[in-house]
Protein backbone atom coordinates (compact mmCIF):
# COMPACT_ATOMS: atom_id res chain seq x y z
CA MET A 1 -155.36 -82.05 -114.07
CA LEU A 2 -153.26 -79.25 -116.03
CA THR A 3 -155.59 -76.77 -114.21
CA GLN A 4 -154.32 -78.17 -110.91
CA LEU A 5 -150.43 -77.30 -111.72
CA GLY A 6 -150.86 -74.31 -112.84
CA ILE A 7 -153.24 -73.70 -109.50
CA ASN A 8 -150.55 -74.95 -107.42
CA ALA A 9 -147.80 -72.88 -109.55
CA LYS A 10 -149.32 -69.37 -109.01
CA LYS A 11 -149.55 -70.28 -105.16
CA ALA A 12 -145.95 -70.91 -105.53
CA GLY A 13 -144.87 -68.32 -107.83
CA ARG A 14 -146.07 -65.95 -104.81
CA VAL A 15 -142.98 -67.41 -103.21
CA LEU A 16 -140.76 -67.77 -105.54
CA MET A 17 -141.22 -64.05 -107.20
CA THR A 18 -139.52 -62.84 -103.60
CA ALA A 19 -136.75 -65.51 -102.40
CA SER A 20 -133.56 -64.07 -102.23
CA SER A 21 -130.30 -64.81 -104.54
CA GLU A 22 -128.71 -66.97 -101.86
CA LYS A 23 -132.21 -69.08 -101.58
CA LYS A 24 -132.43 -69.45 -105.26
CA ASN A 25 -128.56 -70.82 -105.65
CA GLU A 26 -128.33 -72.95 -101.97
CA ALA A 27 -131.54 -74.90 -103.80
CA LEU A 28 -129.63 -75.03 -107.45
CA LYS A 29 -126.88 -76.47 -105.70
CA TYR A 30 -129.54 -78.71 -102.90
CA ILE A 31 -130.26 -80.43 -106.91
CA ALA A 32 -127.18 -80.60 -108.42
CA ALA A 33 -126.16 -82.74 -105.13
CA ALA A 34 -129.45 -84.50 -104.93
CA LEU A 35 -128.99 -85.48 -108.82
CA ILE A 36 -125.45 -86.79 -108.27
CA GLU A 37 -126.64 -88.66 -105.20
CA ASN A 38 -129.39 -90.19 -106.68
CA SER A 39 -127.16 -91.16 -109.62
CA ALA A 40 -128.41 -94.56 -109.55
CA TYR A 41 -132.05 -94.45 -108.82
CA ILE A 42 -132.14 -91.79 -112.03
CA ILE A 43 -130.00 -94.76 -114.08
CA GLU A 44 -132.11 -97.24 -113.65
CA LYS A 45 -135.82 -95.24 -114.56
CA ASN A 46 -133.73 -93.87 -117.54
CA ALA A 47 -133.25 -97.83 -118.90
CA LEU A 48 -136.97 -97.80 -119.16
CA ASP A 49 -137.00 -95.48 -121.42
CA ILE A 50 -134.13 -97.27 -123.41
CA GLU A 51 -135.70 -100.69 -123.05
CA LYS A 52 -138.69 -98.91 -124.60
CA ALA A 53 -137.04 -97.22 -127.69
CA ARG A 54 -135.72 -100.04 -128.63
CA GLU A 55 -138.83 -101.87 -128.96
CA LYS A 56 -139.82 -98.75 -130.82
CA LEU A 57 -136.60 -99.97 -133.08
CA MET A 58 -135.40 -96.23 -132.68
CA SER A 59 -132.23 -95.12 -134.58
CA GLU A 60 -129.37 -95.03 -132.03
CA SER A 61 -128.60 -91.20 -132.62
CA MET A 62 -131.85 -91.14 -130.58
CA ILE A 63 -131.43 -93.86 -128.25
CA ASP A 64 -127.74 -91.91 -127.09
CA ARG A 65 -130.16 -88.84 -126.80
CA LEU A 66 -132.08 -90.27 -124.22
CA SER A 67 -129.20 -91.78 -122.91
CA LEU A 68 -128.02 -91.27 -118.95
CA ASP A 69 -124.94 -92.69 -117.64
CA GLU A 70 -123.48 -91.36 -114.25
CA GLY A 71 -120.51 -88.93 -116.34
CA ARG A 72 -123.82 -87.66 -118.11
CA ILE A 73 -126.14 -86.97 -114.82
CA LYS A 74 -122.85 -84.89 -113.41
CA GLY A 75 -122.85 -83.20 -116.54
CA ILE A 76 -126.45 -82.29 -115.77
CA ALA A 77 -125.76 -80.97 -112.02
CA ASP A 78 -122.82 -79.03 -113.05
CA ALA A 79 -124.91 -77.39 -115.44
CA ALA A 80 -127.28 -76.52 -112.60
CA LEU A 81 -124.32 -75.49 -110.77
CA GLN A 82 -122.78 -73.23 -113.67
CA VAL A 83 -126.55 -71.70 -113.54
CA ALA A 84 -126.01 -70.82 -109.70
CA ALA A 85 -122.96 -68.92 -109.77
CA LEU A 86 -124.94 -66.46 -112.88
CA ASP A 87 -125.32 -63.69 -111.85
CA ASP A 88 -129.20 -63.30 -110.48
CA PRO A 89 -131.13 -61.70 -113.50
CA CYS A 90 -133.77 -60.21 -110.63
CA GLY A 91 -133.63 -57.05 -109.61
CA LYS A 92 -131.97 -55.25 -111.72
CA VAL A 93 -132.73 -51.45 -112.69
CA ILE A 94 -132.65 -51.23 -116.26
CA SER A 95 -133.41 -47.43 -116.66
CA GLY A 96 -135.00 -44.74 -114.37
CA THR A 97 -135.46 -41.02 -114.41
CA ARG A 98 -135.97 -39.01 -111.64
CA ARG A 99 -139.24 -36.27 -111.86
CA PRO A 100 -138.97 -32.72 -111.59
CA ASN A 101 -141.22 -33.75 -108.16
CA GLY A 102 -138.98 -35.71 -107.04
CA LEU A 103 -140.88 -39.29 -107.79
CA VAL A 104 -138.38 -42.10 -109.18
CA ILE A 105 -139.38 -44.32 -112.05
CA GLU A 106 -137.46 -47.61 -112.71
CA LYS A 107 -137.60 -50.04 -114.76
CA VAL A 108 -136.88 -53.02 -112.64
CA THR A 109 -136.47 -56.82 -114.05
CA VAL A 110 -138.85 -59.18 -112.43
CA PRO A 111 -139.72 -62.66 -112.95
CA LEU A 112 -143.01 -63.37 -115.44
CA GLY A 113 -144.46 -65.68 -113.03
CA VAL A 114 -144.77 -69.28 -114.82
CA ILE A 115 -143.12 -70.50 -117.59
CA ALA A 116 -144.15 -73.58 -119.81
CA VAL A 117 -141.47 -75.95 -121.19
CA ILE A 118 -142.62 -78.59 -123.74
CA PHE A 119 -139.55 -80.42 -125.25
CA GLU A 120 -138.37 -83.62 -126.80
CA ALA A 121 -136.52 -86.61 -125.70
CA ARG A 122 -133.44 -84.93 -124.16
CA PRO A 123 -134.07 -85.75 -120.03
CA ASN A 124 -130.99 -83.55 -119.76
CA VAL A 125 -133.82 -80.25 -120.82
CA THR A 126 -135.79 -81.58 -117.51
CA VAL A 127 -132.91 -80.02 -115.08
CA ASP A 128 -131.47 -76.83 -117.46
CA ALA A 129 -135.46 -75.98 -117.80
CA ALA A 130 -136.03 -75.94 -114.71
CA ALA A 131 -132.55 -74.17 -113.19
CA LEU A 132 -132.82 -71.39 -115.45
CA CYS A 133 -137.23 -70.86 -114.29
CA LEU A 134 -135.92 -71.19 -110.95
CA LYS A 135 -133.03 -69.23 -111.29
CA SER A 136 -135.12 -66.30 -113.08
CA GLY A 137 -137.48 -66.22 -110.38
CA ASN A 138 -140.18 -68.09 -111.93
CA CYS A 139 -142.26 -71.69 -111.88
CA VAL A 140 -141.95 -73.84 -114.19
CA ILE A 141 -144.76 -76.47 -115.94
CA LEU A 142 -142.62 -79.30 -118.13
CA ARG A 143 -144.01 -81.25 -120.11
CA GLY A 144 -141.26 -83.69 -121.79
CA GLY A 145 -141.86 -86.55 -124.84
CA LYS A 146 -142.68 -90.01 -123.85
CA GLU A 147 -140.02 -90.93 -125.24
CA ALA A 148 -138.01 -90.10 -122.07
CA ILE A 149 -141.06 -89.84 -119.09
CA ASN A 150 -139.21 -92.26 -116.85
CA SER A 151 -136.22 -90.01 -116.03
CA ASN A 152 -138.20 -87.09 -116.43
CA LYS A 153 -140.20 -88.91 -113.76
CA ALA A 154 -137.17 -89.45 -111.66
CA MET A 155 -135.77 -86.24 -111.96
CA ALA A 156 -138.42 -83.91 -111.28
CA GLU A 157 -138.70 -85.60 -108.21
CA ILE A 158 -135.37 -85.23 -107.28
CA MET A 159 -135.75 -81.46 -107.66
CA ARG A 160 -138.81 -81.05 -106.02
CA GLY A 161 -136.95 -82.99 -103.26
CA ALA A 162 -134.27 -80.32 -103.54
CA LEU A 163 -137.12 -77.58 -102.95
CA ALA A 164 -138.23 -78.63 -100.14
CA LYS A 165 -135.15 -78.97 -98.65
CA ALA A 166 -133.96 -75.47 -99.36
CA GLY A 167 -136.98 -74.11 -98.31
CA LEU A 168 -138.73 -73.15 -101.07
CA PRO A 169 -142.34 -74.72 -102.31
CA GLU A 170 -141.73 -78.15 -104.33
CA ASP A 171 -144.90 -77.05 -106.43
CA CYS A 172 -142.12 -74.40 -108.28
CA ILE A 173 -141.29 -77.38 -110.56
CA GLN A 174 -144.03 -79.55 -112.09
CA LEU A 175 -143.79 -82.03 -114.65
CA VAL A 176 -146.74 -82.74 -116.65
CA GLU A 177 -147.09 -86.52 -116.83
CA ASP A 178 -149.39 -86.77 -120.09
CA THR A 179 -147.09 -87.35 -122.96
CA THR A 180 -150.18 -87.00 -125.53
CA ARG A 181 -150.40 -84.18 -127.79
CA GLU A 182 -153.31 -82.62 -126.26
CA SER A 183 -151.28 -81.98 -123.64
CA ALA A 184 -149.28 -79.98 -125.08
CA THR A 185 -151.96 -78.23 -126.53
CA ALA A 186 -153.55 -77.68 -123.36
CA LEU A 187 -150.43 -76.63 -121.42
CA MET A 188 -150.25 -74.19 -124.60
CA ARG A 189 -153.81 -72.75 -124.13
CA MET A 190 -153.14 -72.29 -120.22
CA ASN A 191 -152.68 -68.16 -120.53
CA GLY A 192 -154.14 -67.88 -117.33
CA TYR A 193 -151.77 -69.61 -115.57
CA VAL A 194 -149.00 -69.49 -117.58
C-alpha cells in the first residue's frame, strides 16, 4: 500500500512542481475555507479520538493536544492562509555566473518532489505540514500517530477535496492510515519515492 502512495505522489508531483504560485495559493485558500466549512465534521471525528484517549487513560495534557474545536480549526485554517501569503520558495535564483562563451549557469531553487512527514498526536500538524509542502511545490505523504487517526483522516480528506477544486491532483496530499510502527519504518525506507 505504501508503494502505491509513493507512485501516486510521484505522478502528482509532476503536476505540482510546475504549478504557478497563484495555483498553489488558490489551493491553500480552498483548504482553509474547506476546513472552516467542515469544522463540524472534523470535530465529530476528533471526538472519536478523544473518546479513545480517555479510554486509554491518557493524560489531560495529551488530550488537550488532541482536542479540536471551532477556534482551533480556525487557527489551523488561518495558518494555511499565512503559508499562502508567504513568498513562493520555488524558482528563486540563488547564484549565477556568465561564462566567457556566453553560457549562463544559475543555481535555482526547485521542489524536492515527495516529502514524508511522520508525526505524533497533534492533528494540526496534518494541515501545517501539508500546507508547507504544497507551497514549496512538494507532494506529501503524512503519517500521524494512532491517537489522532480519525481527525487526520477527516482533515486529509477535506484537503484532498480542496486540491481537486483548485485543479491540482488530490494525491499531492496523502495520508498513511496504518499507524503501526512498521508503517513508519517502511515509509522511512521508501528511498525510490520519498
